[in-house]
């Protein structure tokens, strides 16, 4: 089965509290594990939503205000070195000038993508084969090529590390992720 290679910025991670506590036995252990997995550099605000029963890690708006547009300019120039249409997305984001509006805006200009997605799940294995499922929201910046592989191992993590290395000047780099789409 083929999938597409996507690159984007993780804007929010939701994890069901009951599922996390069941997998890790205590709430303290669950919180420690989830913070280490999803928020090791402090990019995300952590909250608990009583109504939905979810832990939420949400990208900090002050980091977005400071780094979103400069980081996207750098990413697009690396990803699409021969195309100049990224200025359309950047111009629109500069016009909006608000992180919440940036997350609600979908745009496609030529080869460049910018749209909010809520489509992939991260399964984290823990002791004795238990796993925790996280719902991950992203702003997709690039989706290309059909990938046909039976085993991905940690090649997506490798690509993620490469993108983050190229964006090392930004604190926001740790929110960039390479993933597979359906």
C-alpha atoms as a PDB file:
ATOM      1  CA  UNK A   1       0.000   0.000   0.000  1.00  0.00           C
ATOM      2  CA  UNK A   2       1.376   3.383  -0.932  1.00  0.00           C
ATOM      3  CA  UNK A   3       1.481   6.464   1.229  1.00  0.00           C
ATOM      4  CA  UNK A   4       2.719   9.995   0.703  1.00  0.00           C
ATOM      5  CA  UNK A   5       5.649  11.662   2.419  1.00  0.00           C
ATOM      6  CA  UNK A   6       4.485  14.706   4.341  1.00  0.00           C
ATOM      7  CA  UNK A   7       6.382  17.446   6.138  1.00  0.00           C
ATOM      8  CA  UNK A   8       4.796  19.870   8.523  1.00  0.00           C
ATOM      9  CA  UNK A   9       4.716  21.515  11.917  1.00  0.00           C
ATOM     10  CA  UNK A  10       3.054  19.755  14.836  1.00  0.00           C
ATOM     11  CA  UNK A  11       0.688  22.278  16.407  1.00  0.00           C
ATOM     12  CA  UNK A  12      -1.111  20.072  18.941  1.00  0.00           C
ATOM     13  CA  UNK A  13      -0.948  16.568  20.392  1.00  0.00           C
ATOM     14  CA  UNK A  14      -3.958  15.060  22.198  1.00  0.00           C
ATOM     15  CA  UNK A  15      -3.718  11.941  24.346  1.00  0.00           C
ATOM     16  CA  UNK A  16      -6.591  10.254  26.167  1.00  0.00           C
ATOM     17  CA  UNK A  17      -5.795  10.424  29.889  1.00  0.00           C
ATOM     18  CA  UNK A  18      -7.408   7.059  30.751  1.00  0.00           C
ATOM     19  CA  UNK A  19      -5.518   5.271  27.972  1.00  0.00           C
ATOM     20  CA  UNK A  20      -2.201   6.802  29.049  1.00  0.00           C
ATOM     21  CA  UNK A  21      -2.709   5.982  32.717  1.00  0.00           C
ATOM     22  CA  UNK A  22      -3.800   2.419  31.858  1.00  0.00           C
ATOM     23  CA  UNK A  23      -0.653   1.883  29.764  1.00  0.00           C
ATOM     24  CA  UNK A  24       1.674   3.408  32.352  1.00  0.00           C
ATOM     25  CA  UNK A  25      -0.138   2.428  35.585  1.00  0.00           C
ATOM     26  CA  UNK A  26      -0.121   5.852  37.307  1.00  0.00           C
ATOM     27  CA  UNK A  27      -0.973   9.399  36.324  1.00  0.00           C
ATOM     28  CA  UNK A  28       2.474  10.642  37.374  1.00  0.00           C
ATOM     29  CA  UNK A  29       4.191   8.038  35.192  1.00  0.00           C
ATOM     30  CA  UNK A  30       1.899   8.904  32.274  1.00  0.00           C
ATOM     31  CA  UNK A  31       2.610  12.637  32.569  1.00  0.00           C
ATOM     32  CA  UNK A  32       6.346  12.082  32.848  1.00  0.00           C
ATOM     33  CA  UNK A  33       6.387   9.791  29.805  1.00  0.00           C
ATOM     34  CA  UNK A  34       4.169  12.072  27.674  1.00  0.00           C
ATOM     35  CA  UNK A  35       6.172  15.192  28.515  1.00  0.00           C
ATOM     36  CA  UNK A  36       9.400  13.418  27.622  1.00  0.00           C
ATOM     37  CA  UNK A  37       7.890  12.151  24.351  1.00  0.00           C
ATOM     38  CA  UNK A  38       5.955  15.221  23.170  1.00  0.00           C
ATOM     39  CA  UNK A  39       7.395  18.220  24.986  1.00  0.00           C
ATOM     40  CA  UNK A  40      11.090  17.665  25.764  1.00  0.00           C
ATOM     41  CA  UNK A  41      12.126  21.205  24.807  1.00  0.00           C
ATOM     42  CA  UNK A  42       9.139  23.103  26.264  1.00  0.00           C
ATOM     43  CA  UNK A  43       7.632  24.218  22.927  1.00  0.00           C
ATOM     44  CA  UNK A  44       4.132  23.246  23.975  1.00  0.00           C
ATOM     45  CA  UNK A  45       1.737  24.411  26.676  1.00  0.00           C
ATOM     46  CA  UNK A  46       0.324  21.464  28.608  1.00  0.00           C
ATOM     47  CA  UNK A  47      -3.349  21.366  29.658  1.00  0.00           C
ATOM     48  CA  UNK A  48      -5.925  18.800  30.712  1.00  0.00           C
ATOM     49  CA  UNK A  49      -9.450  19.063  29.301  1.00  0.00           C
ATOM     50  CA  UNK A  50     -11.894  17.627  31.862  1.00  0.00           C
ATOM     51  CA  UNK A  51     -14.757  17.424  29.367  1.00  0.00           C
ATOM     52  CA  UNK A  52     -12.901  15.415  26.709  1.00  0.00           C
ATOM     53  CA  UNK A  53     -10.581  13.586  29.116  1.00  0.00           C
ATOM     54  CA  UNK A  54      -7.552  14.525  26.998  1.00  0.00           C
ATOM     55  CA  UNK A  55      -4.105  15.739  27.845  1.00  0.00           C
ATOM     56  CA  UNK A  56      -3.187  18.429  25.319  1.00  0.00           C
ATOM     57  CA  UNK A  57       0.187  19.750  24.213  1.00  0.00           C
ATOM     58  CA  UNK A  58      -0.426  22.963  22.233  1.00  0.00           C
ATOM     59  CA  UNK A  59       2.303  24.902  20.432  1.00  0.00           C
ATOM     60  CA  UNK A  60       3.044  28.087  22.373  1.00  0.00           C
ATOM     61  CA  UNK A  61       1.659  31.156  20.634  1.00  0.00           C
ATOM     62  CA  UNK A  62       4.555  33.401  21.707  1.00  0.00           C
ATOM     63  CA  UNK A  63       6.985  31.082  19.895  1.00  0.00           C
ATOM     64  CA  UNK A  64       4.721  31.104  16.858  1.00  0.00           C
ATOM     65  CA  UNK A  65       4.545  34.913  16.824  1.00  0.00           C
ATOM     66  CA  UNK A  66       8.317  35.169  16.993  1.00  0.00           C
ATOM     67  CA  UNK A  67       9.406  32.328  14.653  1.00  0.00           C
ATOM     68  CA  UNK A  68       6.550  31.059  12.448  1.00  0.00           C
ATOM     69  CA  UNK A  69       7.116  33.209   9.361  1.00  0.00           C
ATOM     70  CA  UNK A  70      10.960  33.258   9.490  1.00  0.00           C
ATOM     71  CA  UNK A  71      11.034  29.460   9.976  1.00  0.00           C
ATOM     72  CA  UNK A  72       8.596  28.916   7.081  1.00  0.00           C
ATOM     73  CA  UNK A  73      10.656  31.178   4.818  1.00  0.00           C
ATOM     74  CA  UNK A  74      13.728  29.080   5.625  1.00  0.00           C
ATOM     75  CA  UNK A  75      11.870  25.782   5.193  1.00  0.00           C
ATOM     76  CA  UNK A  76      10.357  26.739   1.822  1.00  0.00           C
ATOM     77  CA  UNK A  77      13.707  28.002   0.518  1.00  0.00           C
ATOM     78  CA  UNK A  78      15.325  24.662   1.423  1.00  0.00           C
ATOM     79  CA  UNK A  79      12.440  22.500   0.249  1.00  0.00           C
ATOM     80  CA  UNK A  80      11.731  24.376  -2.994  1.00  0.00           C
ATOM     81  CA  UNK A  81      15.019  26.088  -3.952  1.00  0.00           C
ATOM     82  CA  UNK A  82      14.007  26.674  -7.594  1.00  0.00           C
ATOM     83  CA  UNK A  83      10.450  27.903  -7.019  1.00  0.00           C
ATOM     84  CA  UNK A  84       9.541  31.341  -5.822  1.00  0.00           C
ATOM     85  CA  UNK A  85       5.814  30.824  -5.175  1.00  0.00           C
ATOM     86  CA  UNK A  86       6.317  30.446  -1.403  1.00  0.00           C
ATOM     87  CA  UNK A  87       6.090  34.224  -1.175  1.00  0.00           C
ATOM     88  CA  UNK A  88       2.330  33.918  -1.775  1.00  0.00           C
ATOM     89  CA  UNK A  89       1.839  31.935   1.443  1.00  0.00           C
ATOM     90  CA  UNK A  90       4.274  34.110   3.393  1.00  0.00           C
ATOM     91  CA  UNK A  91       2.574  37.321   2.195  1.00  0.00           C
ATOM     92  CA  UNK A  92      -0.824  36.003   3.247  1.00  0.00           C
ATOM     93  CA  UNK A  93       0.460  34.954   6.681  1.00  0.00           C
ATOM     94  CA  UNK A  94       2.138  38.345   7.179  1.00  0.00           C
ATOM     95  CA  UNK A  95      -1.147  40.021   6.272  1.00  0.00           C
ATOM     96  CA  UNK A  96      -3.050  37.945   8.863  1.00  0.00           C
ATOM     97  CA  UNK A  97      -0.365  38.440  11.547  1.00  0.00           C
ATOM     98  CA  UNK A  98      -2.108  36.201  14.119  1.00  0.00           C
ATOM     99  CA  UNK A  99      -1.218  32.596  15.110  1.00  0.00           C
ATOM    100  CA  UNK A 100      -4.835  31.490  15.494  1.00  0.00           C
ATOM    101  CA  UNK A 101      -5.672  32.813  12.019  1.00  0.00           C
ATOM    102  CA  UNK A 102      -2.521  31.166  10.617  1.00  0.00           C
ATOM    103  CA  UNK A 103      -3.747  27.798  11.876  1.00  0.00           C
ATOM    104  CA  UNK A 104      -7.168  28.276  10.290  1.00  0.00           C
ATOM    105  CA  UNK A 105      -5.876  29.241   6.845  1.00  0.00           C
ATOM    106  CA  UNK A 106      -5.475  26.711   4.025  1.00  0.00           C
ATOM    107  CA  UNK A 107      -3.494  27.663   0.915  1.00  0.00           C
ATOM    108  CA  UNK A 108      -1.926  25.909  -2.055  1.00  0.00           C
ATOM    109  CA  UNK A 109       0.234  27.874  -4.485  1.00  0.00           C
ATOM    110  CA  UNK A 110       1.972  25.867  -7.165  1.00  0.00           C
ATOM    111  CA  UNK A 111       4.082  23.218  -5.512  1.00  0.00           C
ATOM    112  CA  UNK A 112       3.764  24.751  -2.090  1.00  0.00           C
ATOM    113  CA  UNK A 113       1.246  23.577   0.483  1.00  0.00           C
ATOM    114  CA  UNK A 114       0.050  25.167   3.686  1.00  0.00           C
ATOM    115  CA  UNK A 115      -2.986  23.634   5.335  1.00  0.00           C
ATOM    116  CA  UNK A 116      -4.150  22.411   8.703  1.00  0.00           C
ATOM    117  CA  UNK A 117      -4.570  18.666   9.035  1.00  0.00           C
ATOM    118  CA  UNK A 118      -5.759  16.405  11.811  1.00  0.00           C
ATOM    119  CA  UNK A 119      -5.026  13.143  10.165  1.00  0.00           C
ATOM    120  CA  UNK A 120      -2.294  11.161  11.717  1.00  0.00           C
ATOM    121  CA  UNK A 121      -1.920   9.169  14.852  1.00  0.00           C
ATOM    122  CA  UNK A 122       1.257   8.436  16.708  1.00  0.00           C
ATOM    123  CA  UNK A 123       1.395   5.079  18.453  1.00  0.00           C
ATOM    124  CA  UNK A 124       3.934   4.962  21.235  1.00  0.00           C
ATOM    125  CA  UNK A 125       4.952   1.549  22.477  1.00  0.00           C
ATOM    126  CA  UNK A 126       5.765   1.144  26.122  1.00  0.00           C
ATOM    127  CA  UNK A 127       6.526  -1.763  28.474  1.00  0.00           C
ATOM    128  CA  UNK A 128       5.249  -5.195  27.511  1.00  0.00           C
ATOM    129  CA  UNK A 129       3.805  -4.074  24.178  1.00  0.00           C
ATOM    130  CA  UNK A 130       1.349  -1.577  25.653  1.00  0.00           C
ATOM    131  CA  UNK A 131       0.841   1.465  23.502  1.00  0.00           C
ATOM    132  CA  UNK A 132      -0.569   4.945  23.760  1.00  0.00           C
ATOM    133  CA  UNK A 133      -2.281   6.548  20.793  1.00  0.00           C
ATOM    134  CA  UNK A 134      -1.859  10.286  20.285  1.00  0.00           C
ATOM    135  CA  UNK A 135      -3.931  12.411  17.903  1.00  0.00           C
ATOM    136  CA  UNK A 136      -1.518  14.817  16.182  1.00  0.00           C
ATOM    137  CA  UNK A 137      -2.564  18.066  14.475  1.00  0.00           C
ATOM    138  CA  UNK A 138      -0.167  19.585  11.969  1.00  0.00           C
ATOM    139  CA  UNK A 139       0.152  22.358   9.461  1.00  0.00           C
ATOM    140  CA  UNK A 140       1.251  20.460   6.359  1.00  0.00           C
ATOM    141  CA  UNK A 141       3.905  22.234   4.314  1.00  0.00           C
ATOM    142  CA  UNK A 142       4.796  19.567   1.773  1.00  0.00           C
ATOM    143  CA  UNK A 143       3.246  16.315   0.567  1.00  0.00           C
ATOM    144  CA  UNK A 144       5.046  14.512  -2.216  1.00  0.00           C
ATOM    145  CA  UNK A 145       5.564  11.226  -3.953  1.00  0.00           C
ATOM    146  CA  UNK A 146       4.039   7.868  -3.429  1.00  0.00           C
ATOM    147  CA  UNK A 147       6.033   5.790  -0.959  1.00  0.00           C
ATOM    148  CA  UNK A 148       5.761   2.033  -1.303  1.00  0.00           C
ATOM    149  CA  UNK A 149       7.579   0.252   1.482  1.00  0.00           C
ATOM    150  CA  UNK A 150       6.702  -2.562   3.801  1.00  0.00           C
ATOM    151  CA  UNK A 151       8.858  -1.446   6.702  1.00  0.00           C
ATOM    152  CA  UNK A 152       9.661   2.148   7.611  1.00  0.00           C
ATOM    153  CA  UNK A 153      11.707   1.466  10.762  1.00  0.00           C
ATOM    154  CA  UNK A 154      12.936   4.869  11.912  1.00  0.00           C
ATOM    155  CA  UNK A 155      13.554   6.448   8.506  1.00  0.00           C
ATOM    156  CA  UNK A 156      10.864   9.104   9.207  1.00  0.00           C
ATOM    157  CA  UNK A 157      12.670  10.029  12.423  1.00  0.00           C
ATOM    158  CA  UNK A 158      15.889  10.296  10.400  1.00  0.00           C
ATOM    159  CA  UNK A 159      14.251  12.670   7.904  1.00  0.00           C
ATOM    160  CA  UNK A 160      12.724  14.652  10.778  1.00  0.00           C
ATOM    161  CA  UNK A 161      16.163  15.071  12.358  1.00  0.00           C
ATOM    162  CA  UNK A 162      17.588  16.284   9.036  1.00  0.00           C
ATOM    163  CA  UNK A 163      14.874  18.932   8.623  1.00  0.00           C
ATOM    164  CA  UNK A 164      15.326  20.066  12.223  1.00  0.00           C
ATOM    165  CA  UNK A 165      19.087  20.305  11.740  1.00  0.00           C
ATOM    166  CA  UNK A 166      18.588  22.579   8.736  1.00  0.00           C
ATOM    167  CA  UNK A 167      16.316  24.786  10.877  1.00  0.00           C
ATOM    168  CA  UNK A 168      18.634  24.838  13.888  1.00  0.00           C
ATOM    169  CA  UNK A 169      18.446  28.631  14.195  1.00  0.00           C
ATOM    170  CA  UNK A 170      14.806  28.379  15.325  1.00  0.00           C
ATOM    171  CA  UNK A 171      13.342  27.099  18.585  1.00  0.00           C
ATOM    172  CA  UNK A 172      10.352  26.082  16.449  1.00  0.00           C
ATOM    173  CA  UNK A 173      12.542  23.451  14.713  1.00  0.00           C
ATOM    174  CA  UNK A 174      11.483  20.824  17.248  1.00  0.00           C
ATOM    175  CA  UNK A 175       7.878  21.109  16.062  1.00  0.00           C
ATOM    176  CA  UNK A 176       8.767  20.113  12.481  1.00  0.00           C
ATOM    177  CA  UNK A 177       7.896  16.499  11.633  1.00  0.00           C
ATOM    178  CA  UNK A 178       8.194  14.190   8.626  1.00  0.00           C
ATOM    179  CA  UNK A 179       5.346  11.688   8.425  1.00  0.00           C
ATOM    180  CA  UNK A 180       3.360   9.424   6.128  1.00  0.00           C
ATOM    181  CA  UNK A 181      -0.127  10.230   4.940  1.00  0.00           C
ATOM    182  CA  UNK A 182      -2.813   7.973   3.490  1.00  0.00           C
END
